[in-house]
C-alpha atoms as a PDB file:
ATOM      1  CA  MET A   1       0.023   0.131   0.055  1.00  0.00           C
ATOM      2  CA  ALA A   2       1.297   3.094  -0.925  1.00  0.00           C
ATOM      3  CA  SER A   3       2.412   5.773   2.002  1.00  0.00           C
ATOM      4  CA  ALA A   4       0.133   8.538   2.944  1.00  0.00           C
ATOM      5  CA  ILE A   5       1.614  12.161   1.878  1.00  0.00           C
ATOM      6  CA  ASN A   6       1.731  14.612   4.900  1.00  0.00           C
ATOM      7  CA  ASP A   7       0.240  17.671   3.771  1.00  0.00           C
ATOM      8  CA  ARG A   8      -2.623  19.514   4.002  1.00  0.00           C
ATOM      9  CA  LEU A   9      -4.797  17.185   2.077  1.00  0.00           C
ATOM     10  CA  GLN A  10      -3.970  14.331   4.684  1.00  0.00           C
ATOM     11  CA  LYS A  11      -4.593  17.157   7.084  1.00  0.00           C
ATOM     12  CA  THR A  12      -7.655  18.055   6.451  1.00  0.00           C
ATOM     13  CA  LEU A  13      -9.062  14.432   6.072  1.00  0.00           C
ATOM     14  CA  ASN A  14      -7.034  12.895   9.192  1.00  0.00           C
ATOM     15  CA  GLY A  15      -9.442   9.670   9.173  1.00  0.00           C
ATOM     16  CA  LEU A  16      -8.226   8.404   5.913  1.00  0.00           C
ATOM     17  CA  ASN A  17      -5.401   7.307   4.303  1.00  0.00           C
ATOM     18  CA  VAL A  18      -4.767   9.797   1.703  1.00  0.00           C
ATOM     19  CA  ASP A  19      -2.454   7.888  -0.905  1.00  0.00           C
ATOM     20  CA  SER A  20      -2.762   8.624  -4.638  1.00  0.00           C
ATOM     21  CA  ARG A  21      -5.274   5.643  -4.985  1.00  0.00           C
ATOM     22  CA  LEU A  22      -7.677   7.827  -2.348  1.00  0.00           C
ATOM     23  CA  SER A  23      -6.341  11.287  -3.869  1.00  0.00           C
ATOM     24  CA  THR A  24      -7.516   9.809  -7.749  1.00  0.00           C
ATOM     25  CA  TRP A  25     -10.971   8.766  -6.566  1.00  0.00           C
ATOM     26  CA  LEU A  26     -11.267  11.830  -4.446  1.00  0.00           C
ATOM     27  CA  TRP A  27     -10.723  14.300  -7.870  1.00  0.00           C
ATOM     28  CA  LEU A  28     -12.462  12.019  -9.925  1.00  0.00           C
ATOM     29  CA  LEU A  29     -15.807  12.529  -6.882  1.00  0.00           C
ATOM     30  CA  LEU A  30     -15.128  15.965  -6.694  1.00  0.00           C
ATOM     31  CA  LYS A  31     -15.496  16.487 -10.242  1.00  0.00           C
ATOM     32  CA  SER A  32     -18.390  14.893 -10.367  1.00  0.00           C
ATOM     33  CA  GLN A  33     -20.396  17.196  -8.844  1.00  0.00           C
ATOM     34  CA  THR A  34     -20.285  19.443 -11.537  1.00  0.00           C
ATOM     35  CA  SER A  35     -22.943  17.171 -13.626  1.00  0.00           C
ATOM     36  CA  HIS A  36     -24.145  14.148 -11.424  1.00  0.00           C
ATOM     37  CA  ALA A  37     -24.437  16.168  -8.178  1.00  0.00           C
ATOM     38  CA  ALA A  38     -27.835  18.502  -6.341  1.00  0.00           C
ATOM     39  CA  PRO A  39     -28.063  21.978  -8.123  1.00  0.00           C
ATOM     40  CA  ARG A  40     -25.128  23.555  -6.534  1.00  0.00           C
ATOM     41  CA  LYS A  41     -24.707  27.521  -6.327  1.00  0.00           C
ATOM     42  CA  PRO A  42     -22.159  29.569  -9.562  1.00  0.00           C
ATOM     43  CA  GLU A  43     -19.414  29.666  -6.829  1.00  0.00           C
ATOM     44  CA  GLU A  44     -19.086  26.423  -5.705  1.00  0.00           C
ATOM     45  CA  LEU A  45     -19.024  24.953  -9.228  1.00  0.00           C
ATOM     46  CA  LYS A  46     -16.857  27.547 -10.275  1.00  0.00           C
ATOM     47  CA  GLU A  47     -14.501  26.077  -6.572  1.00  0.00           C
ATOM     48  CA  LEU A  48     -15.068  22.528  -8.405  1.00  0.00           C
ATOM     49  CA  VAL A  49     -13.758  23.413 -11.602  1.00  0.00           C
ATOM     50  CA  LYS A  50     -10.475  25.020 -10.016  1.00  0.00           C
ATOM     51  CA  ILE A  51      -9.247  21.930  -8.146  1.00  0.00           C
ATOM     52  CA  GLY A  52      -7.619  21.416 -12.025  1.00  0.00           C
ATOM     53  CA  GLU A  53      -6.153  18.697 -14.016  1.00  0.00           C
ATOM     54  CA  LEU A  54      -5.546  15.592 -12.321  1.00  0.00           C
ATOM     55  CA  GLY A  55      -1.993  15.223 -10.575  1.00  0.00           C
ATOM     56  CA  SER A  56      -1.190  18.923 -11.659  1.00  0.00           C
ATOM     57  CA  PRO A  57       0.879  20.829  -9.151  1.00  0.00           C
ATOM     58  CA  GLY A  58      -0.858  21.867  -5.648  1.00  0.00           C
ATOM     59  CA  MET A  59      -4.068  19.938  -6.912  1.00  0.00           C
ATOM     60  CA  ARG A  60      -3.893  17.898  -3.232  1.00  0.00           C
ATOM     61  CA  ASP A  61      -3.896  21.822  -1.692  1.00  0.00           C
ATOM     62  CA  ARG A  62      -6.626  22.921  -4.187  1.00  0.00           C
ATOM     63  CA  MET A  63      -8.427  19.901  -2.749  1.00  0.00           C
ATOM     64  CA  ALA A  64      -7.788  20.897   0.784  1.00  0.00           C
ATOM     65  CA  ASP A  65      -8.839  24.205   0.431  1.00  0.00           C
ATOM     66  CA  LEU A  66     -12.447  22.792  -1.444  1.00  0.00           C
ATOM     67  CA  ILE A  67     -13.134  20.615   1.575  1.00  0.00           C
ATOM     68  CA  GLN A  68     -12.641  23.259   3.694  1.00  0.00           C
ATOM     69  CA  LYS A  69     -15.100  25.488   2.245  1.00  0.00           C
ATOM     70  CA  THR A  70     -17.615  23.064   2.338  1.00  0.00           C
ATOM     71  CA  GLN A  71     -19.584  22.508   5.097  1.00  0.00           C
ATOM     72  CA  GLY A  72     -20.004  18.650   5.476  1.00  0.00           C
ATOM     73  CA  SER A  73     -17.816  17.553   2.972  1.00  0.00           C
ATOM     74  CA  VAL A  74     -15.247  15.757   5.414  1.00  0.00           C
ATOM     75  CA  GLU A  75     -18.243  13.580   6.380  1.00  0.00           C
ATOM     76  CA  PHE A  76     -19.445  12.712   3.060  1.00  0.00           C
ATOM     77  CA  ILE A  77     -15.964  12.041   1.541  1.00  0.00           C
ATOM     78  CA  GLU A  78     -15.169   9.122   4.815  1.00  0.00           C
ATOM     79  CA  GLU A  79     -18.638   7.832   4.594  1.00  0.00           C
ATOM     80  CA  ASN A  80     -18.134   7.556   0.231  1.00  0.00           C
ATOM     81  CA  SER A  81     -15.011   5.422   1.173  1.00  0.00           C
ATOM     82  CA  ALA A  82     -15.783   3.556   3.811  1.00  0.00           C
ATOM     83  CA  LEU A  83     -19.462   2.704   1.050  1.00  0.00           C
ATOM     84  CA  PHE A  84     -17.605   2.239  -1.898  1.00  0.00           C
ATOM     85  CA  LEU A  85     -13.857   1.756  -1.590  1.00  0.00           C
ATOM     86  CA  LEU A  86     -12.602  -1.787  -1.552  1.00  0.00           C
ATOM     87  CA  PRO A  87      -9.373  -2.896   0.604  1.00  0.00           C
ATOM     88  CA  GLU A  88      -6.402  -3.254  -1.487  1.00  0.00           C
ATOM     89  CA  LYS A  89      -6.009  -6.825  -1.239  1.00  0.00           C
ATOM     90  CA  ASP A  90      -9.438  -7.534  -3.095  1.00  0.00           C
ATOM     91  CA  LEU A  91      -7.806  -5.394  -5.821  1.00  0.00           C
ATOM     92  CA  GLU A  92      -4.125  -7.196  -5.829  1.00  0.00           C
ATOM     93  CA  TRP A  93      -4.774  -9.645  -8.687  1.00  0.00           C
ATOM     94  CA  ILE A  94      -5.392  -6.485 -11.046  1.00  0.00           C
ATOM     95  CA  THR A  95      -2.036  -5.544 -12.893  1.00  0.00           C
ATOM     96  CA  ASN A  96      -0.473  -3.366 -15.747  1.00  0.00           C
ATOM     97  CA  ASN A  97      -1.187  -5.451 -18.403  1.00  0.00           C
ATOM     98  CA  LYS A  98      -2.993  -3.927 -21.225  1.00  0.00           C
ATOM     99  CA  ARG A  99      -5.567  -6.951 -21.818  1.00  0.00           C
ATOM    100  CA  GLN A 100      -6.350  -7.426 -18.847  1.00  0.00           C
ATOM    101  CA  ASN A 101      -6.954  -4.304 -18.251  1.00  0.00           C
ATOM    102  CA  LEU A 102      -9.374  -4.114 -21.178  1.00  0.00           C
ATOM    103  CA  PHE A 103     -11.002  -7.246 -19.990  1.00  0.00           C
ATOM    104  CA  ILE A 104     -11.976  -5.850 -16.622  1.00  0.00           C
ATOM    105  CA  SER A 105     -13.448  -3.084 -18.318  1.00  0.00           C
ATOM    106  CA  ARG A 106     -15.097  -4.474 -20.937  1.00  0.00           C
ATOM    107  CA  LYS A 107     -16.762  -6.907 -18.451  1.00  0.00           C
ATOM    108  CA  LEU A 108     -17.780  -4.441 -16.121  1.00  0.00           C
ATOM    109  CA  ILE A 109     -19.669  -2.512 -18.839  1.00  0.00           C
ATOM    110  CA  GLU A 110     -21.501  -4.880 -20.422  1.00  0.00           C
ATOM    111  CA  LYS A 111     -22.022  -7.567 -16.841  1.00  0.00           C
ATOM    112  CA  TYR A 112     -23.240  -4.822 -15.021  1.00  0.00           C
ATOM    113  CA  GLY A 113     -24.276  -2.040 -16.887  1.00  0.00           C
ATOM    114  CA  TYR A 114     -21.529   0.110 -15.751  1.00  0.00           C
ATOM    115  CA  GLN A 115     -21.560   3.709 -17.404  1.00  0.00           C
ATOM    116  CA  PRO A 116     -17.469   4.334 -18.344  1.00  0.00           C
ATOM    117  CA  ILE A 117     -16.163   7.179 -16.577  1.00  0.00           C
ATOM    118  CA  LEU A 118     -14.045   9.888 -19.102  1.00  0.00           C
ATOM    119  CA  PRO A 119     -10.634   9.076 -18.250  1.00  0.00           C
ATOM    120  CA  PRO A 120      -7.813  12.006 -17.941  1.00  0.00           C
ATOM    121  CA  THR A 121      -5.081  11.523 -20.260  1.00  0.00           C
ATOM    122  CA  ASN A 122      -2.841  11.168 -17.484  1.00  0.00           C
ATOM    123  CA  LEU A 123      -4.720   7.715 -16.112  1.00  0.00           C
ATOM    124  CA  THR A 124      -3.975   4.464 -17.377  1.00  0.00           C
ATOM    125  CA  GLY A 125      -3.430   0.837 -17.071  1.00  0.00           C
ATOM    126  CA  ARG A 126      -3.924  -0.406 -13.807  1.00  0.00           C
ATOM    127  CA  ASP A 127      -4.387   3.026 -11.878  1.00  0.00           C
ATOM    128  CA  PHE A 128      -7.335   4.050 -14.618  1.00  0.00           C
ATOM    129  CA  THR A 129      -8.848   0.231 -13.977  1.00  0.00           C
ATOM    130  CA  ILE A 130      -9.094   0.507 -10.184  1.00  0.00           C
ATOM    131  CA  ALA A 131     -10.348   4.250 -10.535  1.00  0.00           C
ATOM    132  CA  MET A 132     -13.312   3.012 -12.609  1.00  0.00           C
ATOM    133  CA  VAL A 133     -13.739   0.181  -9.643  1.00  0.00           C
ATOM    134  CA  ASP A 134     -13.446   2.914  -6.603  1.00  0.00           C
ATOM    135  CA  ILE A 135     -15.807   5.357  -8.056  1.00  0.00           C
ATOM    136  CA  TRP A 136     -18.347   2.543  -9.079  1.00  0.00           C
ATOM    137  CA  ALA A 137     -20.839   3.734  -6.879  1.00  0.00           C
ATOM    138  CA  ILE A 138     -23.084   0.172  -5.797  1.00  0.00           C
ATOM    139  CA  GLU A 139     -22.544  -1.288  -2.235  1.00  0.00           C
ATOM    140  CA  LYS A 140     -19.069  -2.976  -0.942  1.00  0.00           C
ATOM    141  CA  THR A 141     -20.366  -6.414  -0.391  1.00  0.00           C
ATOM    142  CA  HIS A 142     -21.634  -6.080  -3.889  1.00  0.00           C
ATOM    143  CA  LYS A 143     -18.774  -4.531  -5.419  1.00  0.00           C
ATOM    144  CA  SER A 144     -16.541  -7.181  -3.546  1.00  0.00           C
ATOM    145  CA  TRP A 145     -18.797 -10.085  -5.295  1.00  0.00           C
ATOM    146  CA  ASN A 146     -18.350  -8.862  -8.681  1.00  0.00           C
ATOM    147  CA  ILE A 147     -15.189  -7.721  -8.796  1.00  0.00           C
ATOM    148  CA  ASN A 148     -14.371 -11.479  -8.073  1.00  0.00           C
ATOM    149  CA  GLN A 149     -16.757 -12.934 -10.025  1.00  0.00           C
ATOM    150  CA  ILE A 150     -14.713 -10.793 -12.506  1.00  0.00           C
ATOM    151  CA  LYS A 151     -11.523 -12.050 -11.645  1.00  0.00           C
ATOM    152  CA  PHE A 152     -12.773 -15.709 -11.550  1.00  0.00           C
ATOM    153  CA  GLU A 153     -13.525 -15.049 -15.256  1.00  0.00           C
ATOM    154  CA  TRP A 154     -10.073 -13.505 -16.490  1.00  0.00           C
ATOM    155  CA  GLU A 155      -8.481 -16.424 -14.807  1.00  0.00           C
ATOM    156  CA  GLN A 156     -10.843 -19.014 -16.574  1.00  0.00           C
ATOM    157  CA  HIS A 157     -10.403 -17.076 -20.152  1.00  0.00           C
ATOM    158  CA  SER A 158      -6.979 -16.393 -19.750  1.00  0.00           C
ATOM    159  CA  ARG A 159      -6.224 -20.104 -19.569  1.00  0.00           C
ATOM    160  CA  SER A 160      -7.081 -20.273 -23.070  1.00  0.00           C
ATOM    161  CA  ASP A 161      -3.430 -18.172 -23.947  1.00  0.00           C
ATOM    162  CA  GLN A 162      -1.890 -21.877 -24.827  1.00  0.00           C
ATOM    163  CA  ILE A 163      -3.707 -21.176 -28.077  1.00  0.00           C
ATOM    164  CA  PHE A 164      -1.395 -18.585 -28.884  1.00  0.00           C
ATOM    165  CA  LYS A 165       2.056 -20.361 -27.727  1.00  0.00           C
ATOM    166  CA  TRP A 166       2.922 -21.023 -31.273  1.00  0.00           C
ATOM    167  CA  PHE A 167       3.954 -17.308 -31.566  1.00  0.00           C
ATOM    168  CA  ASP A 168       6.812 -17.799 -29.207  1.00  0.00           C
ATOM    169  CA  GLY A 169       8.935 -19.012 -31.599  1.00  0.00           C
ATOM    170  CA  SER A 170      11.093 -17.897 -34.216  1.00  0.00           C
ATOM    171  CA  ASP A 171      10.427 -14.693 -36.586  1.00  0.00           C
ATOM    172  CA  ILE A 172       8.064 -13.335 -34.405  1.00  0.00           C
ATOM    173  CA  GLU A 173       7.008 -10.807 -37.065  1.00  0.00           C
ATOM    174  CA  GLN A 174       6.568 -12.658 -40.216  1.00  0.00           C
ATOM    175  CA  ARG A 175       4.110 -15.052 -37.714  1.00  0.00           C
ATOM    176  CA  LEU A 176       1.892 -12.286 -36.948  1.00  0.00           C
ATOM    177  CA  GLU A 177       1.980 -10.793 -40.899  1.00  0.00           C
ATOM    178  CA  THR A 178       0.326 -14.344 -41.605  1.00  0.00           C
ATOM    179  CA  ALA A 179      -1.816 -14.368 -38.895  1.00  0.00           C
ATOM    180  CA  TRP A 180      -3.437 -10.959 -39.998  1.00  0.00           C
ATOM    181  CA  VAL A 181      -3.634 -11.756 -43.343  1.00  0.00           C
ATOM    182  CA  ILE A 182      -5.742 -14.948 -42.556  1.00  0.00           C
ATOM    183  CA  THR A 183      -7.674 -13.445 -39.667  1.00  0.00           C
ATOM    184  CA  LYS A 184      -8.624 -10.953 -42.095  1.00  0.00           C
ATOM    185  CA  LYS A 185     -10.214 -13.539 -44.579  1.00  0.00           C
ATOM    186  CA  LYS A 186     -11.742 -15.110 -41.708  1.00  0.00           C
ATOM    187  CA  PHE A 187     -13.219 -12.264 -39.863  1.00  0.00           C
ATOM    188  CA  PRO A 188     -13.099  -8.856 -42.371  1.00  0.00           C
ATOM    189  CA  LEU A 189     -14.622  -6.503 -39.930  1.00  0.00           C
ATOM    190  CA  LEU A 190     -11.345  -6.508 -38.466  1.00  0.00           C
ATOM    191  CA  ALA A 191      -9.405  -5.508 -41.587  1.00  0.00           C
ATOM    192  CA  TYR A 192     -12.322  -2.298 -41.025  1.00  0.00           C
ATOM    193  CA  GLN A 193     -11.570  -1.273 -37.839  1.00  0.00           C
ATOM    194  CA  GLU A 194      -7.843  -2.470 -36.438  1.00  0.00           C
ATOM    195  CA  ASN A 195      -4.654  -1.917 -37.914  1.00  0.00           C
ATOM    196  CA  ALA A 196      -2.415  -5.038 -38.216  1.00  0.00           C
ATOM    197  CA  PRO A 197      -0.701  -6.356 -34.791  1.00  0.00           C
ATOM    198  CA  LYS A 198       3.114  -5.895 -34.272  1.00  0.00           C
ATOM    199  CA  GLU A 199       3.150  -7.600 -31.219  1.00  0.00           C
ATOM    200  CA  LYS A 200       1.242 -10.788 -29.972  1.00  0.00           C
ATOM    201  CA  GLU A 201      -0.630  -9.303 -27.376  1.00  0.00           C
ATOM    202  CA  GLU A 202      -1.774  -7.071 -29.582  1.00  0.00           C
ATOM    203  CA  PHE A 203      -3.244  -9.907 -31.841  1.00  0.00           C
ATOM    204  CA  ILE A 204      -4.678 -11.291 -28.945  1.00  0.00           C
ATOM    205  CA  ILE A 205      -6.612  -7.946 -27.838  1.00  0.00           C
ATOM    206  CA  LEU A 206      -7.488  -7.647 -31.537  1.00  0.00           C
ATOM    207  CA  LEU A 207      -9.696 -10.811 -31.577  1.00  0.00           C
ATOM    208  CA  GLU A 208     -11.044 -10.091 -27.525  1.00  0.00           C
ATOM    209  CA  THR A 209     -12.178  -7.018 -29.005  1.00  0.00           C
ATOM    210  CA  GLN A 210     -14.525  -9.057 -31.706  1.00  0.00           C
ATOM    211  CA  SER A 211     -15.472 -11.353 -28.914  1.00  0.00           C
ATOM    212  CA  ILE A 212     -14.355 -14.021 -31.032  1.00  0.00           C
ATOM    213  CA  THR A 213     -14.751 -17.442 -29.449  1.00  0.00           C
ATOM    214  CA  THR A 214     -12.359 -20.051 -28.105  1.00  0.00           C
ATOM    215  CA  SER A 215     -13.162 -22.582 -30.770  1.00  0.00           C
ATOM    216  CA  ASP A 216     -13.140 -20.172 -33.108  1.00  0.00           C
ATOM    217  CA  LYS A 217      -9.503 -19.135 -31.903  1.00  0.00           C
ATOM    218  CA  ILE A 218      -8.567 -22.588 -32.126  1.00  0.00           C
ATOM    219  CA  LEU A 219      -9.581 -22.672 -35.810  1.00  0.00           C
ATOM    220  CA  LEU A 220      -7.813 -19.931 -36.802  1.00  0.00           C
ATOM    221  CA  MET A 221      -4.819 -20.641 -35.372  1.00  0.00           C
ATOM    222  CA  GLU A 222      -4.882 -23.609 -37.200  1.00  0.00           C
ATOM    223  CA  SER A 223      -6.130 -22.404 -40.240  1.00  0.00           C
ATOM    224  CA  ILE A 224      -3.093 -19.794 -39.487  1.00  0.00           C
ATOM    225  CA  LYS A 225      -0.158 -22.385 -39.233  1.00  0.00           C
ATOM    226  CA  LYS A 226      -1.130 -24.482 -41.809  1.00  0.00           C
ATOM    227  CA  ARG A 227      -0.601 -20.923 -44.142  1.00  0.00           C
ATOM    228  CA  TRP A 228       2.784 -20.430 -42.528  1.00  0.00           C
ATOM    229  CA  SER A 229       3.621 -24.016 -43.286  1.00  0.00           C
ATOM    230  CA  GLN A 230       2.838 -23.866 -46.920  1.00  0.00           C
ATOM    231  CA  ASN A 231       4.583 -21.058 -47.129  1.00  0.00           C
ATOM    232  CA  LYS A 232       7.690 -22.227 -45.484  1.00  0.00           C
ATOM    233  CA  TYR A 233       7.692 -25.122 -47.896  1.00  0.00           C
ATOM    234  CA  ARG A 234       7.086 -22.621 -50.777  1.00  0.00           C
ATOM    235  CA  ALA A 235       9.855 -20.832 -50.126  1.00  0.00           C
ATOM    236  CA  LYS A 236      12.288 -24.022 -50.055  1.00  0.00           C
ATOM    237  CA  LEU A 237      11.105 -24.637 -52.953  1.00  0.00           C
ATOM    238  CA  THR A 238      12.683 -21.621 -54.473  1.00  0.00           C
ATOM    239  CA  GLY A 239      15.178 -21.954 -57.850  1.00  0.00           C
ATOM    240  CA  LYS A 240      14.027 -25.928 -57.727  1.00  0.00           C
ATOM    241  CA  LYS A 241      11.575 -27.487 -60.101  1.00  0.00           C
ATOM    242  CA  GLN A 242       9.873 -30.957 -60.325  1.00  0.00           C
ATOM    243  CA  TYR A 243      10.896 -34.064 -61.873  1.00  0.00           C
ATOM    244  CA  ASN A 244       9.152 -37.149 -62.786  1.00  0.00           C
ATOM    245  CA  PHE A 245      11.519 -40.487 -64.127  1.00  0.00           C
ATOM    246  CA  ILE A 246      11.699 -43.790 -63.518  1.00  0.00           C
ATOM    247  CA  LEU A 247      14.061 -45.619 -61.588  1.00  0.00           C
ATOM    248  CA  SER A 248      15.239 -49.541 -61.320  1.00  0.00           C
ATOM    249  CA  GLU A 249      14.235 -50.724 -58.360  1.00  0.00           C
ATOM    250  CA  LYS A 250      18.085 -51.847 -57.814  1.00  0.00           C
ATOM    251  CA  ALA A 251      18.586 -47.838 -58.295  1.00  0.00           C
ATOM    252  CA  ILE A 252      15.439 -47.232 -55.473  1.00  0.00           C
ATOM    253  CA  ASN A 253      17.286 -49.404 -53.349  1.00  0.00           C
ATOM    254  CA  ARG A 254      20.861 -48.453 -53.283  1.00  0.00           C
ATOM    255  CA  LEU A 255      19.099 -44.779 -52.771  1.00  0.00           C
ATOM    256  CA  ASP A 256      17.061 -45.788 -50.002  1.00  0.00           C
ATOM    257  CA  LYS A 257      20.437 -47.712 -48.470  1.00  0.00           C
ATOM    258  CA  LEU A 258      22.445 -44.286 -48.900  1.00  0.00           C
ATOM    259  CA  ALA A 259      19.489 -42.261 -47.201  1.00  0.00           C
ATOM    260  CA  ASP A 260      19.146 -44.819 -44.466  1.00  0.00           C
ATOM    261  CA  LYS A 261      23.478 -44.685 -44.106  1.00  0.00           C
ATOM    262  CA  TYR A 262      23.662 -40.834 -43.906  1.00  0.00           C
ATOM    263  CA  ASP A 263      20.258 -39.854 -42.007  1.00  0.00           C
ATOM    264  CA  LEU A 264      19.588 -37.461 -45.699  1.00  0.00           C
ATOM    265  CA  ARG A 265      16.603 -37.030 -47.408  1.00  0.00           C
ATOM    266  CA  LYS A 266      16.489 -38.982 -50.845  1.00  0.00           C
ATOM    267  CA  THR A 267      16.338 -35.411 -52.777  1.00  0.00           C
ATOM    268  CA  GLU A 268      19.993 -34.751 -50.505  1.00  0.00           C
ATOM    269  CA  VAL A 269      21.391 -37.815 -51.590  1.00  0.00           C
ATOM    270  CA  LEU A 270      20.554 -37.148 -55.270  1.00  0.00           C
ATOM    271  CA  GLU A 271      21.932 -33.368 -54.869  1.00  0.00           C
ATOM    272  CA  ILE A 272      24.787 -34.515 -53.603  1.00  0.00           C
ATOM    273  CA  LEU A 273      26.012 -37.467 -56.303  1.00  0.00           C
ATOM    274  CA  LEU A 274      24.783 -35.342 -58.680  1.00  0.00           C
ATOM    275  CA  GLN A 275      27.431 -32.160 -57.593  1.00  0.00           C
ATOM    276  CA  MET A 276      30.676 -34.283 -56.937  1.00  0.00           C
ATOM    277  CA  GLU A 277      30.257 -35.835 -59.980  1.00  0.00           C
ATOM    278  CA  GLU A 278      30.026 -32.469 -61.682  1.00  0.00           C
ATOM    279  CA  GLU A 279      33.004 -32.018 -59.817  1.00  0.00           C
ATOM    280  CA  LYS A 280      35.171 -34.574 -59.788  1.00  0.00           C
ATOM    281  CA  GLY A 281      33.984 -36.163 -63.473  1.00  0.00           C
ATOM    282  CA  ILE A 282      34.859 -39.394 -62.161  1.00  0.00           C
ATOM    283  CA  TYR A 283      31.938 -42.263 -62.275  1.00  0.00           C
ATOM    284  CA  ILE A 284      29.988 -41.358 -65.782  1.00  0.00           C
ATOM    285  CA  PRO A 285      33.064 -41.231 -68.131  1.00  0.00           C
ATOM    286  CA  GLU A 286      34.171 -44.071 -66.163  1.00  0.00           C
ATOM    287  CA  ARG A 287      30.872 -45.785 -66.647  1.00  0.00           C
ATOM    288  CA  LYS A 288      30.696 -44.681 -70.368  1.00  0.00           C
ATOM    289  CA  ALA A 289      34.009 -46.186 -71.152  1.00  0.00           C
ATOM    290  CA  LEU A 290      33.400 -49.793 -69.836  1.00  0.00           C
ATOM    291  CA  ARG A 291      30.216 -49.931 -71.937  1.00  0.00           C
ATOM    292  CA  MET A 292      31.648 -49.187 -75.228  1.00  0.00           C
ATOM    293  CA  VAL A 293      34.351 -51.941 -74.209  1.00  0.00           C
END
């Protein structure tokens, strides 16, 4: 838990630990009064606006001034913090993982009809997600149950990450390029809404924003890996041509034995023999000479 700052705001709310999390919640709470609270006098609204941007120099002092000037504010803030703020331990599972934060935000909106807040530009990642949970005005016991439910769903959801383990191999950029080509064909709407992903996590997030099911993700990855193998095979054929010819059974047996003996493919055996004969010129002239005798 972050330590409280021993300043005017902390002294004004001496019954609370006014750390960065609580000061963010307080800033959002005070700002919300301009549009969600009961009608206020113009001079009171002016004071609310004067608290400035989140994290701006002097913000905490300005909030302290406002609280001190407004009768009953201390009691109101203490009551609301007791009603709505969950213990830190209930939120420890939330990290700065972008995908996790998007998942939580989406679940809050989809499952519980949460009205998303418009965040300040400097409130991002885990801090923003925690602020969303903190400013959610539902009774704490109910909120705790809902957040634990989202935690369970995230744990279940993230188990499917093994589907995308293939991206952990080499050539990540080329693999993502192949994935993007196939994904656009399977889910055309993505091509209009998203740019090509540059990282594995970005690709997974892209699929999740379209609520693509786990079974569809599995089928998609199978198609991607199949195309990747085809591309690799075609690349190996560059500079090569296919020839169809008939070999005697004796020649086939010799080719099989040489391939087994040296642990090579049959095509590799043939290429080596052809190269050595071209360079040394020993066996074919000798065989021709024997035939002429």
